[in-house]
Protein backbone atom coordinates (compact mmCIF):
# COMPACT_ATOMS: atom_id res chain seq x y z
CA MET A 1 188.45 133.59 194.35
CA GLU A 2 186.74 130.91 196.42
CA SER A 3 185.20 127.97 194.57
CA LYS A 4 181.57 127.29 195.41
CA THR A 5 180.75 123.67 196.14
CA SER A 6 177.30 122.29 195.44
CA MET A 7 175.09 120.74 198.08
CA ALA A 8 172.98 118.02 196.56
CA ARG A 9 170.17 116.32 198.45
CA VAL A 10 170.34 112.53 198.30
CA GLU A 11 167.34 110.26 198.79
CA PHE A 12 167.09 106.47 198.73
CA THR A 13 164.60 103.69 198.32
CA ARG A 14 163.45 102.33 201.65
CA HIS A 15 165.23 99.02 201.04
CA LEU A 16 168.67 100.64 201.18
CA TYR A 17 168.10 101.55 204.83
CA THR A 18 168.22 97.82 205.60
CA TYR A 19 171.91 97.89 204.65
CA PHE A 20 172.66 101.41 205.87
CA PRO A 21 170.42 102.03 208.91
CA ALA A 22 172.45 105.05 210.06
CA LEU A 23 171.04 106.98 207.07
CA GLU A 24 167.40 106.39 207.97
CA GLY A 25 165.59 109.50 209.09
CA GLU A 26 168.52 111.71 208.10
CA THR A 27 168.38 114.54 205.60
CA VAL A 28 171.39 113.72 203.48
CA GLU A 29 173.07 116.61 201.69
CA VAL A 30 176.53 116.26 200.19
CA ASP A 31 179.10 118.53 198.60
CA ALA A 32 179.29 117.24 195.06
CA GLU A 33 179.73 118.29 191.47
CA THR A 34 179.17 114.88 189.87
CA ILE A 35 177.44 111.61 190.70
CA ALA A 36 180.89 110.11 191.37
CA ASP A 37 181.34 112.77 194.06
CA VAL A 38 177.94 111.86 195.53
CA VAL A 39 178.96 108.19 195.79
CA GLN A 40 182.29 109.15 197.36
CA GLU A 41 180.60 111.36 199.95
CA MET A 42 178.05 108.64 200.74
CA GLU A 43 180.89 106.19 201.29
CA LYS A 44 182.28 108.52 203.98
CA ARG A 45 178.91 108.59 205.78
CA ALA A 46 178.05 104.93 205.29
CA PRO A 47 181.10 102.72 204.73
CA GLY A 48 180.34 100.03 202.16
CA PHE A 49 177.86 102.22 200.28
CA ALA A 50 180.11 102.74 197.24
CA PHE A 51 180.69 99.01 196.77
CA TYR A 52 176.99 98.32 197.23
CA VAL A 53 175.99 100.64 194.37
CA CYS A 54 179.14 100.32 192.21
CA ASP A 55 181.22 97.36 191.10
CA GLU A 56 184.96 96.96 191.65
CA ARG A 57 185.63 99.16 188.58
CA GLY A 58 183.47 101.99 189.88
CA ARG A 59 180.62 101.40 187.41
CA LEU A 60 177.05 101.53 188.60
CA ARG A 61 175.75 98.02 189.29
CA PRO A 62 172.98 96.76 186.97
CA HIS A 63 170.39 96.61 189.77
CA VAL A 64 170.96 100.24 190.80
CA ASN A 65 169.51 103.33 189.13
CA VAL A 66 170.38 106.92 189.92
CA PHE A 67 168.23 109.90 188.99
CA ILE A 68 168.95 113.60 189.11
CA GLY A 69 165.45 114.92 189.59
CA GLU A 70 163.34 112.93 187.13
CA GLU A 71 166.17 112.17 184.69
CA ARG A 72 168.11 108.92 184.90
CA ILE A 73 171.85 109.51 184.76
CA ALA A 74 173.43 108.95 181.35
CA ASP A 75 176.92 107.88 182.45
CA ARG A 76 176.68 104.60 184.37
CA VAL A 77 180.41 103.95 183.85
CA GLY A 78 182.24 107.13 184.92
CA LEU A 79 179.36 108.70 186.88
CA THR A 80 180.23 112.09 185.39
CA ASP A 81 176.67 113.49 185.30
CA ARG A 82 176.73 116.98 186.84
CA VAL A 83 174.85 117.99 189.97
CA ASP A 84 174.36 121.41 191.53
CA ALA A 85 173.02 122.98 194.69
CA SER A 86 169.40 122.44 193.65
CA SER A 87 169.86 118.79 192.62
CA ARG A 88 167.82 116.03 194.18
CA ILE A 89 169.54 112.70 193.72
CA PHE A 90 167.50 109.50 193.97
CA ILE A 91 169.34 106.22 194.39
CA LEU A 92 167.11 103.25 193.70
CA GLN A 93 167.78 99.56 193.99
CA ALA A 94 165.72 97.30 191.79
CA LEU A 95 164.19 94.40 193.69
CA SER A 96 163.38 91.10 192.10
CA GLY A 97 161.97 87.90 193.34
CA GLY A 98 160.13 84.84 192.34
């Protein structure tokens, strides 16, 4: 029996395109079952992406938020929140300034 892989749609805040211009204007869909899978797939498409959103231990950085639809992910450490074929993933970077 063949395992079905999910295709999740990934969207970003405009600011992230500054660091990953190759993603701009692209519809980004990835095969993923968890948010960790999403990050791994994004790293393949945009090298450096994983380290930009996660620290050296693989935890989500404090200035980054990830939503599945309208719900913020619960697991910022292991990124185990589940995604499926209908998931829309939003990756947002908080901006601050003075």
